[in-house]
Amino acid sequence: MVLEVIENGKRLAAPVEARLGAAPSPLRGKAHTRWTLRAGERLAVAQRPGDRVVELYRGTPADRLLLASIHIRYFPDREGRWVPKYQLQQDPVVAKVGERWLPLTTAPGAANLIVLFGNTLPDASGFYSALDFGLGAGALQIDSWIVK
């Protein structure tokens, strides 16, 4: 998959390779209001590739904060190749206030709730062919990821 942002009118890309393990983002240290996740290459293999999860992080490897996870599942296209589709998963940061659990919208060191932009609907399985996302309030910084 490829993470993209627009900075000063230019599209910048951060390819996320299908290698298991952690990798720093070439866009680390830069916060953007909108990120786009686009499909990488289609695969020409006989069997469906296994699902993958890519965890997105802010911060350094020694002190990082999980922002969200992208669940990747492959679906066949008309030409017999496997196309990746994506599902954004986030465990919202919450705090107990009195007897109620409330999401934290802004707090030092805590992520805001991530929202999807655009009017694209998921397929019947809940997966999107591309994602446009960002924070509900403020800019989102993706410094690294872990492919599982």
C-alpha atoms as a PDB file:
ATOM      1  CA  MET A   1       0.000   0.000   0.000  1.00  0.00           C
ATOM      2  CA  VAL A   2       1.028   3.625  -0.340  1.00  0.00           C
ATOM      3  CA  LEU A   3       0.372   6.433   2.143  1.00  0.00           C
ATOM      4  CA  GLU A   4       0.157   9.820   0.456  1.00  0.00           C
ATOM      5  CA  VAL A   5      -0.150  13.452   1.542  1.00  0.00           C
ATOM      6  CA  ILE A   6      -0.248  16.734  -0.318  1.00  0.00           C
ATOM      7  CA  GLU A   7       2.334  19.253   0.849  1.00  0.00           C
ATOM      8  CA  ASN A   8       2.771  22.637  -0.843  1.00  0.00           C
ATOM      9  CA  GLY A   9       0.775  21.409  -3.838  1.00  0.00           C
ATOM     10  CA  LYS A  10       2.957  18.304  -4.301  1.00  0.00           C
ATOM     11  CA  ARG A  11       1.896  14.721  -3.685  1.00  0.00           C
ATOM     12  CA  LEU A  12       4.348  12.942  -1.369  1.00  0.00           C
ATOM     13  CA  ALA A  13       4.269   9.146  -1.090  1.00  0.00           C
ATOM     14  CA  ALA A  14       5.364   6.752   1.634  1.00  0.00           C
ATOM     15  CA  PRO A  15       5.292   3.179   0.256  1.00  0.00           C
ATOM     16  CA  VAL A  16       4.499   0.541   2.865  1.00  0.00           C
ATOM     17  CA  GLU A  17       6.165  -2.664   1.756  1.00  0.00           C
ATOM     18  CA  ALA A  18       4.730  -6.076   2.587  1.00  0.00           C
ATOM     19  CA  ARG A  19       7.753  -7.008   4.716  1.00  0.00           C
ATOM     20  CA  LEU A  20       6.918  -8.129   8.229  1.00  0.00           C
ATOM     21  CA  GLY A  21       8.226  -5.888  10.986  1.00  0.00           C
ATOM     22  CA  ALA A  22       8.702  -2.226  11.806  1.00  0.00           C
ATOM     23  CA  ALA A  23       9.690   0.517   9.381  1.00  0.00           C
ATOM     24  CA  PRO A  24      10.113   4.282   9.733  1.00  0.00           C
ATOM     25  CA  SER A  25       8.016   6.542   7.514  1.00  0.00           C
ATOM     26  CA  PRO A  26       9.846   8.758   5.047  1.00  0.00           C
ATOM     27  CA  LEU A  27       7.264  11.394   6.076  1.00  0.00           C
ATOM     28  CA  ARG A  28       7.998  11.102   9.827  1.00  0.00           C
ATOM     29  CA  GLY A  29       7.849  14.280  11.837  1.00  0.00           C
ATOM     30  CA  LYS A  30       5.333  15.873   9.459  1.00  0.00           C
ATOM     31  CA  ALA A  31       1.715  16.309  10.501  1.00  0.00           C
ATOM     32  CA  HIS A  32      -1.006  16.577   7.842  1.00  0.00           C
ATOM     33  CA  THR A  33      -4.752  17.066   8.065  1.00  0.00           C
ATOM     34  CA  ARG A  34      -5.486  14.457   5.413  1.00  0.00           C
ATOM     35  CA  TRP A  35      -3.762  11.190   4.505  1.00  0.00           C
ATOM     36  CA  THR A  36      -4.662   8.974   1.558  1.00  0.00           C
ATOM     37  CA  LEU A  37      -4.060   5.243   1.513  1.00  0.00           C
ATOM     38  CA  ARG A  38      -3.941   3.794  -1.983  1.00  0.00           C
ATOM     39  CA  ALA A  39      -3.528   0.246  -3.195  1.00  0.00           C
ATOM     40  CA  GLY A  40      -0.113  -1.057  -4.054  1.00  0.00           C
ATOM     41  CA  GLU A  41       0.496  -3.642  -6.733  1.00  0.00           C
ATOM     42  CA  ARG A  42      -1.973  -6.366  -7.598  1.00  0.00           C
ATOM     43  CA  LEU A  43      -0.692  -9.893  -7.030  1.00  0.00           C
ATOM     44  CA  ALA A  44      -0.774 -12.665  -9.616  1.00  0.00           C
ATOM     45  CA  VAL A  45      -0.727 -15.803  -7.444  1.00  0.00           C
ATOM     46  CA  ALA A  46      -2.926 -18.896  -7.454  1.00  0.00           C
ATOM     47  CA  GLN A  47      -4.296 -18.623  -3.906  1.00  0.00           C
ATOM     48  CA  ARG A  48      -5.595 -15.636  -2.012  1.00  0.00           C
ATOM     49  CA  PRO A  49      -2.756 -14.003  -0.036  1.00  0.00           C
ATOM     50  CA  GLY A  50      -3.246 -14.028   3.717  1.00  0.00           C
ATOM     51  CA  ASP A  51      -4.659 -11.025   5.533  1.00  0.00           C
ATOM     52  CA  ARG A  52      -2.193  -8.486   6.896  1.00  0.00           C
ATOM     53  CA  VAL A  53      -2.407  -5.765   9.518  1.00  0.00           C
ATOM     54  CA  VAL A  54      -0.395  -2.553   9.393  1.00  0.00           C
ATOM     55  CA  GLU A  55      -0.238  -0.637  12.674  1.00  0.00           C
ATOM     56  CA  LEU A  56       0.364   3.110  12.298  1.00  0.00           C
ATOM     57  CA  TYR A  57       2.344   4.935  15.012  1.00  0.00           C
ATOM     58  CA  ARG A  58       3.282   8.449  16.072  1.00  0.00           C
ATOM     59  CA  GLY A  59       6.545   9.011  17.943  1.00  0.00           C
ATOM     60  CA  THR A  60       9.875   7.278  18.188  1.00  0.00           C
ATOM     61  CA  PRO A  61      10.301   3.496  18.485  1.00  0.00           C
ATOM     62  CA  ALA A  62      11.173   3.941  22.172  1.00  0.00           C
ATOM     63  CA  ASP A  63       8.103   6.111  22.867  1.00  0.00           C
ATOM     64  CA  ARG A  64       5.422   5.489  20.256  1.00  0.00           C
ATOM     65  CA  LEU A  65       1.657   5.792  20.324  1.00  0.00           C
ATOM     66  CA  LEU A  66      -0.571   3.454  18.296  1.00  0.00           C
ATOM     67  CA  LEU A  67      -2.862   5.603  16.149  1.00  0.00           C
ATOM     68  CA  ALA A  68      -4.789   2.979  14.201  1.00  0.00           C
ATOM     69  CA  SER A  69      -4.507  -0.345  12.419  1.00  0.00           C
ATOM     70  CA  ILE A  70      -5.204  -1.025   8.760  1.00  0.00           C
ATOM     71  CA  HIS A  71      -6.600  -4.500   8.093  1.00  0.00           C
ATOM     72  CA  ILE A  72      -5.701  -5.636   4.567  1.00  0.00           C
ATOM     73  CA  ARG A  73      -7.570  -8.373   2.720  1.00  0.00           C
ATOM     74  CA  TYR A  74      -7.108  -9.408  -0.904  1.00  0.00           C
ATOM     75  CA  PHE A  75     -10.005  -9.776  -3.352  1.00  0.00           C
ATOM     76  CA  PRO A  76      -9.954 -11.117  -6.937  1.00  0.00           C
ATOM     77  CA  ASP A  77     -10.271  -8.709  -9.861  1.00  0.00           C
ATOM     78  CA  ARG A  78     -11.633  -9.439 -13.347  1.00  0.00           C
ATOM     79  CA  GLU A  79      -8.186 -10.378 -14.613  1.00  0.00           C
ATOM     80  CA  GLY A  80      -7.575 -13.053 -11.965  1.00  0.00           C
ATOM     81  CA  ARG A  81      -5.169 -11.006  -9.866  1.00  0.00           C
ATOM     82  CA  TRP A  82      -5.548 -10.212  -6.173  1.00  0.00           C
ATOM     83  CA  VAL A  83      -6.294  -6.594  -5.237  1.00  0.00           C
ATOM     84  CA  PRO A  84      -5.781  -5.331  -1.668  1.00  0.00           C
ATOM     85  CA  LYS A  85      -8.651  -3.591   0.114  1.00  0.00           C
ATOM     86  CA  TYR A  86      -8.489  -1.845   3.465  1.00  0.00           C
ATOM     87  CA  GLN A  87     -10.384  -1.482   6.714  1.00  0.00           C
ATOM     88  CA  LEU A  88      -9.414   1.185   9.256  1.00  0.00           C
ATOM     89  CA  GLN A  89      -9.529  -0.014  12.856  1.00  0.00           C
ATOM     90  CA  GLN A  90      -9.015   2.219  15.853  1.00  0.00           C
ATOM     91  CA  ASP A  91      -9.286   1.659  19.571  1.00  0.00           C
ATOM     92  CA  PRO A  92     -10.380   5.120  20.670  1.00  0.00           C
ATOM     93  CA  VAL A  93      -8.629   6.734  23.616  1.00  0.00           C
ATOM     94  CA  VAL A  94     -11.221   7.150  26.360  1.00  0.00           C
ATOM     95  CA  ALA A  95     -11.381   8.324  29.940  1.00  0.00           C
ATOM     96  CA  LYS A  96     -13.884   7.616  32.688  1.00  0.00           C
ATOM     97  CA  VAL A  97     -15.628  10.798  33.758  1.00  0.00           C
ATOM     98  CA  GLY A  98     -17.929  10.059  36.675  1.00  0.00           C
ATOM     99  CA  GLU A  99     -19.863   6.968  35.649  1.00  0.00           C
ATOM    100  CA  ARG A 100     -19.417   7.437  31.889  1.00  0.00           C
ATOM    101  CA  TRP A 101     -16.653   6.587  29.431  1.00  0.00           C
ATOM    102  CA  LEU A 102     -15.966   9.509  27.093  1.00  0.00           C
ATOM    103  CA  PRO A 103     -13.603   9.694  24.099  1.00  0.00           C
ATOM    104  CA  LEU A 104     -10.704  12.096  24.480  1.00  0.00           C
ATOM    105  CA  THR A 105     -10.766  14.579  21.639  1.00  0.00           C
ATOM    106  CA  THR A 106      -7.566  16.387  22.526  1.00  0.00           C
ATOM    107  CA  ALA A 107      -5.146  15.537  25.276  1.00  0.00           C
ATOM    108  CA  PRO A 108      -1.347  15.619  25.485  1.00  0.00           C
ATOM    109  CA  GLY A 109       0.054  12.393  24.057  1.00  0.00           C
ATOM    110  CA  ALA A 110      -3.347  11.005  23.075  1.00  0.00           C
ATOM    111  CA  ALA A 111      -4.661  10.624  19.548  1.00  0.00           C
ATOM    112  CA  ASN A 112      -7.917  12.210  18.497  1.00  0.00           C
ATOM    113  CA  LEU A 113     -10.501  10.008  16.885  1.00  0.00           C
ATOM    114  CA  ILE A 114      -9.569   9.235  13.299  1.00  0.00           C
ATOM    115  CA  VAL A 115     -12.264   9.981  10.730  1.00  0.00           C
ATOM    116  CA  LEU A 116     -12.719   8.915   7.120  1.00  0.00           C
ATOM    117  CA  PHE A 117     -13.226  11.633   4.491  1.00  0.00           C
ATOM    118  CA  GLY A 118     -15.071  11.348   1.220  1.00  0.00           C
ATOM    119  CA  ASN A 119     -18.217   9.615   0.118  1.00  0.00           C
ATOM    120  CA  THR A 120     -16.815   6.203  -0.851  1.00  0.00           C
ATOM    121  CA  LEU A 121     -18.653   3.276   0.649  1.00  0.00           C
ATOM    122  CA  PRO A 122     -17.041  -0.015   1.655  1.00  0.00           C
ATOM    123  CA  ASP A 123     -17.798  -3.308  -0.051  1.00  0.00           C
ATOM    124  CA  ALA A 124     -20.110  -5.854   1.571  1.00  0.00           C
ATOM    125  CA  SER A 125     -17.221  -7.083   3.762  1.00  0.00           C
ATOM    126  CA  GLY A 126     -16.483  -3.583   5.111  1.00  0.00           C
ATOM    127  CA  PHE A 127     -13.291  -3.014   3.071  1.00  0.00           C
ATOM    128  CA  TYR A 128     -12.404   0.056   0.996  1.00  0.00           C
ATOM    129  CA  SER A 129     -10.312   0.156  -2.174  1.00  0.00           C
ATOM    130  CA  ALA A 130      -8.684   3.377  -0.860  1.00  0.00           C
ATOM    131  CA  LEU A 131      -8.954   5.442   2.326  1.00  0.00           C
ATOM    132  CA  ASP A 132      -8.835   9.193   2.950  1.00  0.00           C
ATOM    133  CA  PHE A 133      -8.446   9.814   6.658  1.00  0.00           C
ATOM    134  CA  GLY A 134      -7.245  12.228   9.307  1.00  0.00           C
ATOM    135  CA  LEU A 135      -7.956  13.349  12.851  1.00  0.00           C
ATOM    136  CA  GLY A 136     -11.321  14.712  13.881  1.00  0.00           C
ATOM    137  CA  ALA A 137      -9.542  17.853  15.095  1.00  0.00           C
ATOM    138  CA  GLY A 138      -6.030  18.827  14.072  1.00  0.00           C
ATOM    139  CA  ALA A 139      -3.302  17.227  12.037  1.00  0.00           C
ATOM    140  CA  LEU A 140      -2.177  13.594  12.061  1.00  0.00           C
ATOM    141  CA  GLN A 141       1.480  12.571  12.162  1.00  0.00           C
ATOM    142  CA  ILE A 142       2.477   9.048  11.099  1.00  0.00           C
ATOM    143  CA  ASP A 143       6.089   8.362  12.012  1.00  0.00           C
ATOM    144  CA  SER A 144       6.326   4.589  11.571  1.00  0.00           C
ATOM    145  CA  TRP A 145       4.392   1.373  11.087  1.00  0.00           C
ATOM    146  CA  ILE A 146       4.575  -2.303  11.851  1.00  0.00           C
ATOM    147  CA  VAL A 147       3.456  -4.879   9.277  1.00  0.00           C
ATOM    148  CA  LYS A 148       2.024  -8.049  10.836  1.00  0.00           C
END
